[in-house]
Amino acid sequence: TGTQLNVASASENEKDFGEKGQKSSLNFGLIGQNLANQALIGSTIWTGGLGYQVLTENAHFGPGGLLLGIAGLVPLLALSRSIETSESYLVSGLNLSTNAAVLRLFGPSPQPVAALAVSA
């Protein structure tokens, strides 16, 4: 029941620092996990599996589908924004878990290029 200290050698700490001596805040392990998950899910489309079959049989990208997609985008964005800015306790867990995941991935400083690379 004592307090344990996490003591690391200088060489272990040095690997976390970049050229300018600033600690890298990107969590490359978690980013790699997310990319692997997306590759696993996407592989059913790329390899002609079940995902490809469902996509080719049920997706119709004509003018009607495009208009329906745009019409559906507006309420989804409005709902997403209202949840994001809500102070309600009903969605606080969702907002907290999203914020925690973003902090774990990218650290406390904004990194839009890294975020774009991971989300693309």
Protein backbone atom coordinates (compact mmCIF):
# COMPACT_ATOMS: atom_id res chain seq x y z
CA THR A 1 0.00 0.00 0.00
CA GLY A 2 2.95 2.31 -0.56
CA THR A 3 3.50 4.80 -3.30
CA GLN A 4 5.49 3.49 -6.23
CA LEU A 5 7.69 5.81 -8.21
CA ASN A 6 8.19 5.37 -11.92
CA VAL A 7 11.91 5.95 -12.36
CA ALA A 8 13.26 5.77 -15.90
CA SER A 9 16.81 6.03 -17.06
CA ALA A 10 17.98 9.01 -19.10
CA SER A 11 18.15 6.90 -22.27
CA GLU A 12 14.50 5.84 -21.86
CA ASN A 13 13.41 9.45 -21.46
CA GLU A 14 15.51 10.67 -24.39
CA LYS A 15 13.59 8.53 -26.90
CA ASP A 16 10.43 10.55 -26.16
CA PHE A 17 12.03 13.84 -27.14
CA GLY A 18 12.33 15.30 -30.61
CA GLU A 19 15.18 17.31 -32.09
CA LYS A 20 14.29 20.49 -30.20
CA GLY A 21 14.03 18.73 -26.85
CA GLN A 22 10.24 18.82 -26.83
CA LYS A 23 8.46 15.66 -25.82
CA SER A 24 6.48 14.04 -28.62
CA SER A 25 2.82 13.99 -27.66
CA LEU A 26 1.64 11.64 -30.40
CA ASN A 27 0.68 8.19 -29.19
CA PHE A 28 2.07 6.14 -32.07
CA GLY A 29 0.91 2.84 -30.55
CA LEU A 30 -2.71 3.98 -30.36
CA ILE A 31 -2.52 5.59 -33.81
CA GLY A 32 -1.18 2.31 -35.19
CA GLN A 33 -4.02 0.40 -33.53
CA ASN A 34 -6.61 2.71 -35.08
CA LEU A 35 -5.02 2.39 -38.52
CA ALA A 36 -4.89 -1.41 -38.19
CA ASN A 37 -8.58 -1.50 -37.20
CA GLN A 38 -9.51 0.62 -40.22
CA ALA A 39 -7.40 -1.58 -42.51
CA LEU A 40 -9.06 -4.72 -41.14
CA ILE A 41 -12.54 -3.30 -41.65
CA GLY A 42 -11.67 -1.83 -45.05
CA SER A 43 -10.07 -5.05 -46.28
CA THR A 44 -13.53 -6.60 -46.79
CA ILE A 45 -14.16 -3.85 -49.35
CA TRP A 46 -10.71 -3.80 -51.00
CA THR A 47 -10.47 -7.57 -51.44
CA GLY A 48 -13.95 -8.03 -52.93
CA GLY A 49 -15.36 -9.61 -49.78
CA LEU A 50 -18.71 -9.13 -48.08
CA GLY A 51 -18.18 -5.38 -47.63
CA TYR A 52 -17.60 -4.95 -51.37
CA GLN A 53 -20.67 -7.02 -52.22
CA VAL A 54 -22.91 -5.00 -49.92
CA LEU A 55 -21.49 -1.74 -51.24
CA THR A 56 -21.97 -2.63 -54.91
CA GLU A 57 -25.46 -4.07 -54.44
CA ASN A 58 -26.93 -1.42 -52.15
CA ALA A 59 -25.10 1.83 -52.80
CA HIS A 60 -26.50 4.04 -55.52
CA PHE A 61 -24.58 7.22 -56.20
CA GLY A 62 -26.99 8.92 -58.59
CA PRO A 63 -28.41 12.45 -58.20
CA GLY A 64 -31.15 11.24 -55.83
CA GLY A 65 -28.66 9.57 -53.52
CA LEU A 66 -26.44 12.64 -53.55
CA LEU A 67 -29.33 14.96 -52.65
CA LEU A 68 -30.49 12.59 -49.92
CA GLY A 69 -26.97 12.47 -48.52
CA ILE A 70 -26.70 16.26 -48.42
CA ALA A 71 -30.15 16.53 -46.85
CA GLY A 72 -29.18 13.99 -44.20
CA LEU A 73 -25.87 15.71 -43.50
CA VAL A 74 -27.41 18.91 -42.11
CA PRO A 75 -29.41 17.33 -39.24
CA LEU A 76 -26.53 15.01 -38.37
CA LEU A 77 -24.11 17.93 -38.11
CA ALA A 78 -26.62 19.89 -36.02
CA LEU A 79 -27.11 16.93 -33.67
CA SER A 80 -23.38 16.34 -33.40
CA ARG A 81 -22.73 19.99 -32.60
CA SER A 82 -25.50 20.11 -29.99
CA ILE A 83 -24.09 17.01 -28.27
CA GLU A 84 -20.56 18.43 -28.41
CA THR A 85 -21.54 21.73 -26.79
CA SER A 86 -24.13 20.29 -24.39
CA GLU A 87 -23.69 20.59 -20.64
CA SER A 88 -26.23 17.81 -20.03
CA TYR A 89 -25.16 14.95 -17.80
CA LEU A 90 -26.79 12.56 -20.30
CA VAL A 91 -24.04 13.17 -22.87
CA SER A 92 -21.21 14.16 -20.56
CA GLY A 93 -19.76 10.65 -20.63
CA LEU A 94 -19.70 10.67 -24.43
CA ASN A 95 -18.01 14.06 -24.54
CA LEU A 96 -15.53 13.05 -21.85
CA SER A 97 -14.59 9.80 -23.59
CA THR A 98 -14.15 11.60 -26.92
CA ASN A 99 -11.95 14.26 -25.33
CA ALA A 100 -9.93 11.59 -23.51
CA ALA A 101 -9.37 9.63 -26.73
CA VAL A 102 -8.21 12.75 -28.58
CA LEU A 103 -5.85 13.65 -25.74
CA ARG A 104 -4.45 10.11 -25.72
CA LEU A 105 -3.91 10.19 -29.47
CA PHE A 106 -2.49 13.67 -29.98
CA GLY A 107 -1.61 15.14 -26.59
CA PRO A 108 -2.63 18.54 -25.24
CA SER A 109 -1.34 20.69 -28.13
CA PRO A 110 -3.34 21.03 -31.38
CA GLN A 111 -1.89 18.95 -34.23
CA PRO A 112 -4.21 19.29 -37.25
CA VAL A 113 -1.86 17.62 -39.74
CA ALA A 114 -1.53 14.51 -37.57
CA ALA A 115 -5.30 14.48 -36.95
CA LEU A 116 -5.97 14.67 -40.70
CA ALA A 117 -3.53 11.83 -41.38
CA VAL A 118 -5.15 9.58 -38.77
CA SER A 119 -8.72 10.36 -39.77
CA ALA A 120 -8.22 10.07 -43.54
